[in-house]
Amino acid sequence: MKTKATVHRLPLTKARINLGSLIRRIHLKKEYVILEKDGIPVAGIMDIDEMQDYLEMKNPGMKMQVAEGYAAYRKGDVREASSFLAELRGENKGGRKKVK
């Protein structure tokens, strides 16, 4: 179950003074921080894992792979997880099958 993302707004000066603890909190609690200068949002901070996922999804090639995978799933072109894992371990050359 996903929890609602916590978004905080923080003035740049306060963020600069508490940068170490701010980064630790963002990393451990997966929070978001919007940095403001004179009350105007100028930047955002998020955990590096999520940032890498975000940047990866901006890649047109990755978007295409996700769309193709989703289309195959919608058509029922899937396979059992055990078959997929066995293939990854090199145990067999398991194929896909239609599941209704």
PDB file of N, CA and C in Angstrom:
ATOM      1  N   MET A   1       0.846  -1.185   0.000  1.00  0.00           N
ATOM      2  CA  MET A   1       0.000   0.000   0.000  1.00  0.00           C
ATOM      3  C   MET A   1       0.886   1.240   0.000  1.00  0.00           C
ATOM      4  N   LYS A   2       0.622   2.146  -0.914  1.00  0.00           N
ATOM      5  CA  LYS A   2       1.402   3.370  -1.005  1.00  0.00           C
ATOM      6  C   LYS A   2       0.913   4.373   0.021  1.00  0.00           C
ATOM      7  N   THR A   3       1.868   5.099   0.590  1.00  0.00           N
ATOM      8  CA  THR A   3       1.506   6.179   1.490  1.00  0.00           C
ATOM      9  C   THR A   3       1.565   7.485   0.714  1.00  0.00           C
ATOM     10  N   LYS A   4       0.833   8.450   1.196  1.00  0.00           N
ATOM     11  CA  LYS A   4       0.809   9.749   0.533  1.00  0.00           C
ATOM     12  C   LYS A   4       2.162  10.419   0.699  1.00  0.00           C
ATOM     13  N   ALA A   5       2.673  10.978  -0.373  1.00  0.00           N
ATOM     14  CA  ALA A   5       3.973  11.647  -0.343  1.00  0.00           C
ATOM     15  C   ALA A   5       3.892  12.895   0.532  1.00  0.00           C
ATOM     16  N   THR A   6       4.922  13.083   1.338  1.00  0.00           N
ATOM     17  CA  THR A   6       5.000  14.262   2.185  1.00  0.00           C
ATOM     18  C   THR A   6       5.831  15.315   1.460  1.00  0.00           C
ATOM     19  N   VAL A   7       5.221  16.477   1.247  1.00  0.00           N
ATOM     20  CA  VAL A   7       5.896  17.569   0.557  1.00  0.00           C
ATOM     21  C   VAL A   7       6.020  18.732   1.538  1.00  0.00           C
ATOM     22  N   HIS A   8       7.248  19.212   1.693  1.00  0.00           N
ATOM     23  CA  HIS A   8       7.501  20.345   2.577  1.00  0.00           C
ATOM     24  C   HIS A   8       8.000  21.521   1.746  1.00  0.00           C
ATOM     25  N   ARG A   9       7.676  22.705   2.193  1.00  0.00           N
ATOM     26  CA  ARG A   9       8.194  23.928   1.571  1.00  0.00           C
ATOM     27  C   ARG A   9       9.158  24.547   2.568  1.00  0.00           C
ATOM     28  N   LEU A  10      10.311  24.978   2.050  1.00  0.00           N
ATOM     29  CA  LEU A  10      11.348  25.472   2.937  1.00  0.00           C
ATOM     30  C   LEU A  10      12.105  26.619   2.279  1.00  0.00           C
ATOM     31  N   PRO A  11      12.328  27.704   3.027  1.00  0.00           N
ATOM     32  CA  PRO A  11      13.146  28.797   2.470  1.00  0.00           C
ATOM     33  C   PRO A  11      14.581  28.321   2.245  1.00  0.00           C
ATOM     34  N   LEU A  12      15.209  28.808   1.201  1.00  0.00           N
ATOM     35  CA  LEU A  12      16.595  28.441   0.889  1.00  0.00           C
ATOM     36  C   LEU A  12      17.532  28.664   2.068  1.00  0.00           C
ATOM     37  N   THR A  13      17.374  29.763   2.771  1.00  0.00           N
ATOM     38  CA  THR A  13      18.281  30.061   3.882  1.00  0.00           C
ATOM     39  C   THR A  13      18.172  29.005   4.981  1.00  0.00           C
ATOM     40  N   LYS A  14      16.970  28.569   5.287  1.00  0.00           N
ATOM     41  CA  LYS A  14      16.775  27.542   6.306  1.00  0.00           C
ATOM     42  C   LYS A  14      17.317  26.196   5.825  1.00  0.00           C
ATOM     43  N   ALA A  15      17.136  25.902   4.551  1.00  0.00           N
ATOM     44  CA  ALA A  15      17.655  24.650   3.976  1.00  0.00           C
ATOM     45  C   ALA A  15      19.179  24.640   4.026  1.00  0.00           C
ATOM     46  N   ARG A  16      19.784  25.759   3.732  1.00  0.00           N
ATOM     47  CA  ARG A  16      21.256  25.850   3.735  1.00  0.00           C
ATOM     48  C   ARG A  16      21.802  25.591   5.141  1.00  0.00           C
ATOM     49  N   ILE A  17      21.179  26.142   6.150  1.00  0.00           N
ATOM     50  CA  ILE A  17      21.626  25.968   7.536  1.00  0.00           C
ATOM     51  C   ILE A  17      21.489  24.518   7.983  1.00  0.00           C
ATOM     52  N   ASN A  18      20.422  23.837   7.532  1.00  0.00           N
ATOM     53  CA  ASN A  18      20.123  22.467   7.977  1.00  0.00           C
ATOM     54  C   ASN A  18      20.301  21.434   6.877  1.00  0.00           C
ATOM     55  N   LEU A  19      21.198  21.673   5.938  1.00  0.00           N
ATOM     56  CA  LEU A  19      21.297  20.825   4.753  1.00  0.00           C
ATOM     57  C   LEU A  19      21.544  19.353   5.082  1.00  0.00           C
ATOM     58  N   GLY A  20      22.462  19.054   5.972  1.00  0.00           N
ATOM     59  CA  GLY A  20      22.770  17.659   6.303  1.00  0.00           C
ATOM     60  C   GLY A  20      21.568  16.900   6.835  1.00  0.00           C
ATOM     61  N   SER A  21      20.884  17.466   7.808  1.00  0.00           N
ATOM     62  CA  SER A  21      19.718  16.795   8.378  1.00  0.00           C
ATOM     63  C   SER A  21      18.560  16.754   7.382  1.00  0.00           C
ATOM     64  N   LEU A  22      18.450  17.777   6.560  1.00  0.00           N
ATOM     65  CA  LEU A  22      17.406  17.804   5.529  1.00  0.00           C
ATOM     66  C   LEU A  22      17.605  16.664   4.527  1.00  0.00           C
ATOM     67  N   ILE A  23      18.830  16.488   4.046  1.00  0.00           N
ATOM     68  CA  ILE A  23      19.132  15.432   3.087  1.00  0.00           C
ATOM     69  C   ILE A  23      18.904  14.064   3.715  1.00  0.00           C
ATOM     70  N   ARG A  24      19.323  13.892   4.949  1.00  0.00           N
ATOM     71  CA  ARG A  24      19.117  12.614   5.648  1.00  0.00           C
ATOM     72  C   ARG A  24      17.626  12.277   5.730  1.00  0.00           C
ATOM     73  N   ARG A  25      16.815  13.282   6.086  1.00  0.00           N
ATOM     74  CA  ARG A  25      15.367  13.058   6.202  1.00  0.00           C
ATOM     75  C   ARG A  25      14.746  12.709   4.853  1.00  0.00           C
ATOM     76  N   ILE A  26      15.186  13.404   3.800  1.00  0.00           N
ATOM     77  CA  ILE A  26      14.670  13.132   2.457  1.00  0.00           C
ATOM     78  C   ILE A  26      15.014  11.710   2.039  1.00  0.00           C
ATOM     79  N   HIS A  27      16.233  11.304   2.321  1.00  0.00           N
ATOM     80  CA  HIS A  27      16.681   9.959   1.927  1.00  0.00           C
ATOM     81  C   HIS A  27      15.979   8.868   2.742  1.00  0.00           C
ATOM     82  N   LEU A  28      15.895   9.035   4.046  1.00  0.00           N
ATOM     83  CA  LEU A  28      15.328   7.983   4.897  1.00  0.00           C
ATOM     84  C   LEU A  28      13.806   7.929   4.856  1.00  0.00           C
ATOM     85  N   LYS A  29      13.164   9.068   4.831  1.00  0.00           N
ATOM     86  CA  LYS A  29      11.695   9.109   4.898  1.00  0.00           C
ATOM     87  C   LYS A  29      11.032   9.290   3.536  1.00  0.00           C
ATOM     88  N   LYS A  30      11.855   9.404   2.478  1.00  0.00           N
ATOM     89  CA  LYS A  30      11.343   9.562   1.105  1.00  0.00           C
ATOM     90  C   LYS A  30      10.415  10.764   0.982  1.00  0.00           C
ATOM     91  N   GLU A  31      10.798  11.855   1.626  1.00  0.00           N
ATOM     92  CA  GLU A  31      10.015  13.082   1.559  1.00  0.00           C
ATOM     93  C   GLU A  31      10.472  13.932   0.378  1.00  0.00           C
ATOM     94  N   TYR A  32       9.686  14.921   0.050  1.00  0.00           N
ATOM     95  CA  TYR A  32      10.014  15.894  -0.991  1.00  0.00           C
ATOM     96  C   TYR A  32      10.118  17.262  -0.339  1.00  0.00           C
ATOM     97  N   VAL A  33      11.024  18.075  -0.847  1.00  0.00           N
ATOM     98  CA  VAL A  33      11.154  19.434  -0.331  1.00  0.00           C
ATOM     99  C   VAL A  33      11.185  20.398  -1.510  1.00  0.00           C
ATOM    100  N   ILE A  34      10.343  21.403  -1.412  1.00  0.00           N
ATOM    101  CA  ILE A  34      10.342  22.489  -2.396  1.00  0.00           C
ATOM    102  C   ILE A  34      11.067  23.661  -1.748  1.00  0.00           C
ATOM    103  N   LEU A  35      12.145  24.089  -2.384  1.00  0.00           N
ATOM    104  CA  LEU A  35      12.926  25.209  -1.869  1.00  0.00           C
ATOM    105  C   LEU A  35      12.379  26.508  -2.434  1.00  0.00           C
ATOM    106  N   GLU A  36      12.251  27.494  -1.561  1.00  0.00           N
ATOM    107  CA  GLU A  36      11.678  28.777  -1.965  1.00  0.00           C
ATOM    108  C   GLU A  36      12.658  29.916  -1.712  1.00  0.00           C
ATOM    109  N   LYS A  37      12.645  30.872  -2.610  1.00  0.00           N
ATOM    110  CA  LYS A  37      13.414  32.110  -2.431  1.00  0.00           C
ATOM    111  C   LYS A  37      12.401  33.256  -2.446  1.00  0.00           C
ATOM    112  N   ASP A  38      12.332  33.962  -1.358  1.00  0.00           N
ATOM    113  CA  ASP A  38      11.354  35.048  -1.202  1.00  0.00           C
ATOM    114  C   ASP A  38       9.929  34.549  -1.445  1.00  0.00           C
ATOM    115  N   GLY A  39       9.649  33.311  -0.994  1.00  0.00           N
ATOM    116  CA  GLY A  39       8.310  32.744  -1.119  1.00  0.00           C
ATOM    117  C   GLY A  39       7.982  32.158  -2.481  1.00  0.00           C
ATOM    118  N   ILE A  40       8.948  32.192  -3.397  1.00  0.00           N
ATOM    119  CA  ILE A  40       8.730  31.674  -4.756  1.00  0.00           C
ATOM    120  C   ILE A  40       9.454  30.335  -4.897  1.00  0.00           C
ATOM    121  N   PRO A  41       8.748  29.271  -5.308  1.00  0.00           N
ATOM    122  CA  PRO A  41       9.400  27.974  -5.489  1.00  0.00           C
ATOM    123  C   PRO A  41      10.462  28.053  -6.589  1.00  0.00           C
ATOM    124  N   VAL A  42      11.691  27.589  -6.275  1.00  0.00           N
ATOM    125  CA  VAL A  42      12.777  27.657  -7.246  1.00  0.00           C
ATOM    126  C   VAL A  42      13.412  26.294  -7.533  1.00  0.00           C
ATOM    127  N   ALA A  43      13.248  25.325  -6.640  1.00  0.00           N
ATOM    128  CA  ALA A  43      13.861  24.006  -6.848  1.00  0.00           C
ATOM    129  C   ALA A  43      13.164  22.992  -5.959  1.00  0.00           C
ATOM    130  N   GLY A  44      13.369  21.735  -6.305  1.00  0.00           N
ATOM    131  CA  GLY A  44      12.828  20.650  -5.505  1.00  0.00           C
ATOM    132  C   GLY A  44      13.906  19.622  -5.209  1.00  0.00           C
ATOM    133  N   ILE A  45      13.776  18.937  -4.077  1.00  0.00           N
ATOM    134  CA  ILE A  45      14.723  17.891  -3.701  1.00  0.00           C
ATOM    135  C   ILE A  45      13.942  16.614  -3.452  1.00  0.00           C
ATOM    136  N   MET A  46      14.479  15.495  -3.995  1.00  0.00           N
ATOM    137  CA  MET A  46      13.886  14.183  -3.762  1.00  0.00           C
ATOM    138  C   MET A  46      15.003  13.165  -3.585  1.00  0.00           C
ATOM    139  N   ASP A  47      14.662  11.988  -3.086  1.00  0.00           N
ATOM    140  CA  ASP A  47      15.633  10.919  -2.879  1.00  0.00           C
ATOM    141  C   ASP A  47      16.244  10.498  -4.224  1.00  0.00           C
ATOM    142  N   ILE A  48      17.508  10.106  -4.200  1.00  0.00           N
ATOM    143  CA  ILE A  48      18.237   9.780  -5.426  1.00  0.00           C
ATOM    144  C   ILE A  48      17.627   8.592  -6.172  1.00  0.00           C
ATOM    145  N   ASP A  49      17.122   7.589  -5.463  1.00  0.00           N
ATOM    146  CA  ASP A  49      16.517   6.437  -6.143  1.00  0.00           C
ATOM    147  C   ASP A  49      15.335   6.877  -7.003  1.00  0.00           C
ATOM    148  N   GLU A  50      14.522   7.736  -6.448  1.00  0.00           N
ATOM    149  CA  GLU A  50      13.362   8.220  -7.200  1.00  0.00           C
ATOM    150  C   GLU A  50      13.790   9.148  -8.337  1.00  0.00           C
ATOM    151  N   MET A  51      14.821   9.921  -8.098  1.00  0.00           N
ATOM    152  CA  MET A  51      15.340  10.812  -9.145  1.00  0.00           C
ATOM    153  C   MET A  51      15.853  10.005 -10.330  1.00  0.00           C
ATOM    154  N   GLN A  52      16.574   8.911 -10.054  1.00  0.00           N
ATOM    155  CA  GLN A  52      17.082   8.065 -11.135  1.00  0.00           C
ATOM    156  C   GLN A  52      15.930   7.431 -11.908  1.00  0.00           C
ATOM    157  N   ASP A  53      14.881   6.977 -11.191  1.00  0.00           N
ATOM    158  CA  ASP A  53      13.707   6.422 -11.859  1.00  0.00           C
ATOM    159  C   ASP A  53      13.047   7.479 -12.741  1.00  0.00           C
ATOM    160  N   TYR A  54      12.937   8.681 -12.213  1.00  0.00           N
ATOM    161  CA  TYR A  54      12.325   9.780 -12.961  1.00  0.00           C
ATOM    162  C   TYR A  54      13.106  10.067 -14.250  1.00  0.00           C
ATOM    163  N   LEU A  55      14.420  10.167 -14.124  1.00  0.00           N
ATOM    164  CA  LEU A  55      15.245  10.450 -15.295  1.00  0.00           C
ATOM    165  C   LEU A  55      15.191   9.314 -16.307  1.00  0.00           C
ATOM    166  N   GLU A  56      15.137   8.078 -15.815  1.00  0.00           N
ATOM    167  CA  GLU A  56      15.055   6.924 -16.710  1.00  0.00           C
ATOM    168  C   GLU A  56      13.753   6.957 -17.512  1.00  0.00           C
ATOM    169  N   MET A  57      12.667   7.345 -16.863  1.00  0.00           N
ATOM    170  CA  MET A  57      11.377   7.381 -17.552  1.00  0.00           C
ATOM    171  C   MET A  57      11.278   8.546 -18.540  1.00  0.00           C
ATOM    172  N   LYS A  58      12.167   9.528 -18.447  1.00  0.00           N
ATOM    173  CA  LYS A  58      12.199  10.612 -19.431  1.00  0.00           C
ATOM    174  C   LYS A  58      12.863  10.150 -20.723  1.00  0.00           C
ATOM    175  N   ASN A  59      13.568   9.024 -20.678  1.00  0.00           N
ATOM    176  CA  ASN A  59      14.255   8.463 -21.839  1.00  0.00           C
ATOM    177  C   ASN A  59      13.206   7.899 -22.804  1.00  0.00           C
ATOM    178  N   PRO A  60      13.141   8.371 -24.049  1.00  0.00           N
ATOM    179  CA  PRO A  60      12.136   7.893 -25.008  1.00  0.00           C
ATOM    180  C   PRO A  60      12.200   6.378 -25.237  1.00  0.00           C
ATOM    181  N   GLY A  61      13.401   5.805 -25.239  1.00  0.00           N
ATOM    182  CA  GLY A  61      13.538   4.360 -25.422  1.00  0.00           C
ATOM    183  C   GLY A  61      12.896   3.586 -24.284  1.00  0.00           C
ATOM    184  N   MET A  62      13.065   4.079 -23.061  1.00  0.00           N
ATOM    185  CA  MET A  62      12.466   3.424 -21.898  1.00  0.00           C
ATOM    186  C   MET A  62      10.951   3.558 -21.939  1.00  0.00           C
ATOM    187  N   LYS A  63      10.457   4.717 -22.341  1.00  0.00           N
ATOM    188  CA  LYS A  63       9.005   4.914 -22.462  1.00  0.00           C
ATOM    189  C   LYS A  63       8.419   3.897 -23.441  1.00  0.00           C
ATOM    190  N   MET A  64       9.136   3.667 -24.553  1.00  0.00           N
ATOM    191  CA  MET A  64       8.670   2.722 -25.560  1.00  0.00           C
ATOM    192  C   MET A  64       8.652   1.299 -24.995  1.00  0.00           C
ATOM    193  N   GLN A  65       9.688   0.923 -24.260  1.00  0.00           N
ATOM    194  CA  GLN A  65       9.740  -0.416 -23.668  1.00  0.00           C
ATOM    195  C   GLN A  65       8.596  -0.626 -22.687  1.00  0.00           C
ATOM    196  N   VAL A  66       8.308   0.378 -21.869  1.00  0.00           N
ATOM    197  CA  VAL A  66       7.213   0.272 -20.907  1.00  0.00           C
ATOM    198  C   VAL A  66       5.884   0.139 -21.646  1.00  0.00           C
ATOM    199  N   ALA A  67       5.674   0.940 -22.682  1.00  0.00           N
ATOM    200  CA  ALA A  67       4.433   0.881 -23.460  1.00  0.00           C
ATOM    201  C   ALA A  67       4.272  -0.481 -24.132  1.00  0.00           C
ATOM    202  N   GLU A  68       5.359  -1.022 -24.690  1.00  0.00           N
ATOM    203  CA  GLU A  68       5.302  -2.337 -25.338  1.00  0.00           C
ATOM    204  C   GLU A  68       4.999  -3.431 -24.314  1.00  0.00           C
ATOM    205  N   GLY A  69       5.636  -3.350 -23.165  1.00  0.00           N
ATOM    206  CA  GLY A  69       5.391  -4.335 -22.114  1.00  0.00           C
ATOM    207  C   GLY A  69       3.957  -4.289 -21.621  1.00  0.00           C
ATOM    208  N   TYR A  70       3.422  -3.096 -21.452  1.00  0.00           N
ATOM    209  CA  TYR A  70       2.048  -2.954 -20.997  1.00  0.00           C
ATOM    210  C   TYR A  70       1.068  -3.478 -22.049  1.00  0.00           C
ATOM    211  N   ALA A  71       1.340  -3.194 -23.317  1.00  0.00           N
ATOM    212  CA  ALA A  71       0.476  -3.686 -24.395  1.00  0.00           C
ATOM    213  C   ALA A  71       0.491  -5.216 -24.423  1.00  0.00           C
ATOM    214  N   ALA A  72       1.668  -5.822 -24.258  1.00  0.00           N
ATOM    215  CA  ALA A  72       1.767  -7.285 -24.236  1.00  0.00           C
ATOM    216  C   ALA A  72       0.986  -7.844 -23.048  1.00  0.00           C
ATOM    217  N   TYR A  73       1.098  -7.207 -21.914  1.00  0.00           N
ATOM    218  CA  TYR A  73       0.363  -7.638 -20.712  1.00  0.00           C
ATOM    219  C   TYR A  73      -1.141  -7.565 -20.943  1.00  0.00           C
ATOM    220  N   ARG A  74      -1.603  -6.476 -21.559  1.00  0.00           N
ATOM    221  CA  ARG A  74      -3.041  -6.317 -21.819  1.00  0.00           C
ATOM    222  C   ARG A  74      -3.562  -7.383 -22.770  1.00  0.00           C
ATOM    223  N   LYS A  75      -2.700  -7.857 -23.702  1.00  0.00           N
ATOM    224  CA  LYS A  75      -3.095  -8.912 -24.637  1.00  0.00           C
ATOM    225  C   LYS A  75      -3.027 -10.290 -23.978  1.00  0.00           C
ATOM    226  N   GLY A  76      -2.455 -10.367 -22.784  1.00  0.00           N
ATOM    227  CA  GLY A  76      -2.343 -11.656 -22.110  1.00  0.00           C
ATOM    228  C   GLY A  76      -1.049 -12.374 -22.432  1.00  0.00           C
ATOM    229  N   ASP A  77      -0.114 -11.696 -23.055  1.00  0.00           N
ATOM    230  CA  ASP A  77       1.175 -12.292 -23.409  1.00  0.00           C
ATOM    231  C   ASP A  77       2.080 -12.232 -22.181  1.00  0.00           C
ATOM    232  N   VAL A  78       1.865 -13.186 -21.275  1.00  0.00           N
ATOM    233  CA  VAL A  78       2.590 -13.211 -19.998  1.00  0.00           C
ATOM    234  C   VAL A  78       3.112 -14.608 -19.727  1.00  0.00           C
ATOM    235  N   ARG A  79       3.895 -14.744 -18.678  1.00  0.00           N
ATOM    236  CA  ARG A  79       4.358 -16.063 -18.260  1.00  0.00           C
ATOM    237  C   ARG A  79       4.456 -16.102 -16.748  1.00  0.00           C
ATOM    238  N   GLU A  80       4.535 -17.305 -16.254  1.00  0.00           N
ATOM    239  CA  GLU A  80       4.625 -17.492 -14.811  1.00  0.00           C
ATOM    240  C   GLU A  80       5.939 -16.913 -14.296  1.00  0.00           C
ATOM    241  N   ALA A  81       5.919 -16.353 -13.110  1.00  0.00           N
ATOM    242  CA  ALA A  81       7.124 -15.775 -12.515  1.00  0.00           C
ATOM    243  C   ALA A  81       8.206 -16.836 -12.351  1.00  0.00           C
ATOM    244  N   SER A  82       7.818 -18.055 -11.986  1.00  0.00           N
ATOM    245  CA  SER A  82       8.815 -19.115 -11.784  1.00  0.00           C
ATOM    246  C   SER A  82       9.567 -19.417 -13.078  1.00  0.00           C
ATOM    247  N   SER A  83       8.874 -19.376 -14.206  1.00  0.00           N
ATOM    248  CA  SER A  83       9.512 -19.600 -15.501  1.00  0.00           C
ATOM    249  C   SER A  83      10.499 -18.485 -15.826  1.00  0.00           C
ATOM    250  N   PHE A  84      10.077 -17.246 -15.547  1.00  0.00           N
ATOM    251  CA  PHE A  84      10.942 -16.094 -15.799  1.00  0.00           C
ATOM    252  C   PHE A  84      12.198 -16.148 -14.932  1.00  0.00           C
ATOM    253  N   LEU A  85      12.014 -16.458 -13.652  1.00  0.00           N
ATOM    254  CA  LEU A  85      13.161 -16.538 -12.741  1.00  0.00           C
ATOM    255  C   LEU A  85      14.102 -17.669 -13.130  1.00  0.00           C
ATOM    256  N   ALA A  86      13.538 -18.801 -13.569  1.00  0.00           N
ATOM    257  CA  ALA A  86      14.375 -19.920 -14.010  1.00  0.00           C
ATOM    258  C   ALA A  86      15.192 -19.511 -15.236  1.00  0.00           C
ATOM    259  N   GLU A  87      14.577 -18.739 -16.127  1.00  0.00           N
ATOM    260  CA  GLU A  87      15.303 -18.265 -17.313  1.00  0.00           C
ATOM    261  C   GLU A  87      16.443 -17.335 -16.908  1.00  0.00           C
ATOM    262  N   LEU A  88      16.180 -16.468 -15.947  1.00  0.00           N
ATOM    263  CA  LEU A  88      17.233 -15.568 -15.483  1.00  0.00           C
ATOM    264  C   LEU A  88      18.402 -16.341 -14.868  1.00  0.00           C
ATOM    265  N   ARG A  89      18.085 -17.437 -14.188  1.00  0.00           N
ATOM    266  CA  ARG A  89      19.132 -18.268 -13.583  1.00  0.00           C
ATOM    267  C   ARG A  89      19.795 -19.169 -14.610  1.00  0.00           C
ATOM    268  N   GLY A  90      19.269 -19.184 -15.842  1.00  0.00           N
ATOM    269  CA  GLY A  90      19.841 -20.005 -16.903  1.00  0.00           C
ATOM    270  C   GLY A  90      19.407 -21.450 -16.847  1.00  0.00           C
ATOM    271  N   GLU A  91      18.316 -21.733 -16.150  1.00  0.00           N
ATOM    272  CA  GLU A  91      17.859 -23.112 -15.979  1.00  0.00           C
ATOM    273  C   GLU A  91      17.069 -23.627 -17.175  1.00  0.00           C
ATOM    274  N   ASN A  92      16.396 -22.735 -17.876  1.00  0.00           N
ATOM    275  CA  ASN A  92      15.649 -23.161 -19.064  1.00  0.00           C
ATOM    276  C   ASN A  92      15.468 -21.992 -20.017  1.00  0.00           C
ATOM    277  N   LYS A  93      14.882 -22.266 -21.122  1.00  0.00           N
ATOM    278  CA  LYS A  93      14.611 -21.230 -22.119  1.00  0.00           C
ATOM    279  C   LYS A  93      13.120 -20.955 -22.175  1.00  0.00           C
ATOM    280  N   GLY A  94      12.471 -20.884 -20.998  1.00  0.00           N
ATOM    281  CA  GLY A  94      11.026 -20.744 -20.896  1.00  0.00           C
ATOM    282  C   GLY A  94      10.452 -19.686 -21.806  1.00  0.00           C
ATOM    283  N   GLY A  95       9.336 -19.983 -22.378  1.00  0.00           N
ATOM    284  CA  GLY A  95       8.698 -19.050 -23.294  1.00  0.00           C
ATOM    285  C   GLY A  95       7.484 -18.410 -22.669  1.00  0.00           C
ATOM    286  N   ARG A  96       6.893 -17.550 -23.425  1.00  0.00           N
ATOM    287  CA  ARG A  96       5.687 -16.870 -22.954  1.00  0.00           C
ATOM    288  C   ARG A  96       4.476 -17.683 -23.346  1.00  0.00           C
ATOM    289  N   LYS A  97       3.412 -17.461 -22.619  1.00  0.00           N
ATOM    290  CA  LYS A  97       2.155 -18.112 -22.966  1.00  0.00           C
ATOM    291  C   LYS A  97       1.018 -17.160 -22.700  1.00  0.00           C
ATOM    292  N   LYS A  98      -0.052 -17.422 -23.364  1.00  0.00           N
ATOM    293  CA  LYS A  98      -1.248 -16.597 -23.161  1.00  0.00           C
ATOM    294  C   LYS A  98      -1.953 -17.067 -21.904  1.00  0.00           C
ATOM    295  N   VAL A  99      -2.316 -16.142 -21.046  1.00  0.00           N
ATOM    296  CA  VAL A  99      -3.068 -16.454 -19.832  1.00  0.00           C
ATOM    297  C   VAL A  99      -4.358 -15.677 -19.911  1.00  0.00           C
ATOM    298  N   LYS A 100      -5.468 -16.371 -19.703  1.00  0.00           N
ATOM    299  CA  LYS A 100      -6.771 -15.711 -19.816  1.00  0.00           C
ATOM    300  C   LYS A 100      -7.355 -15.441 -18.465  1.00  0.00           C
TER     301      LYS A 100
END
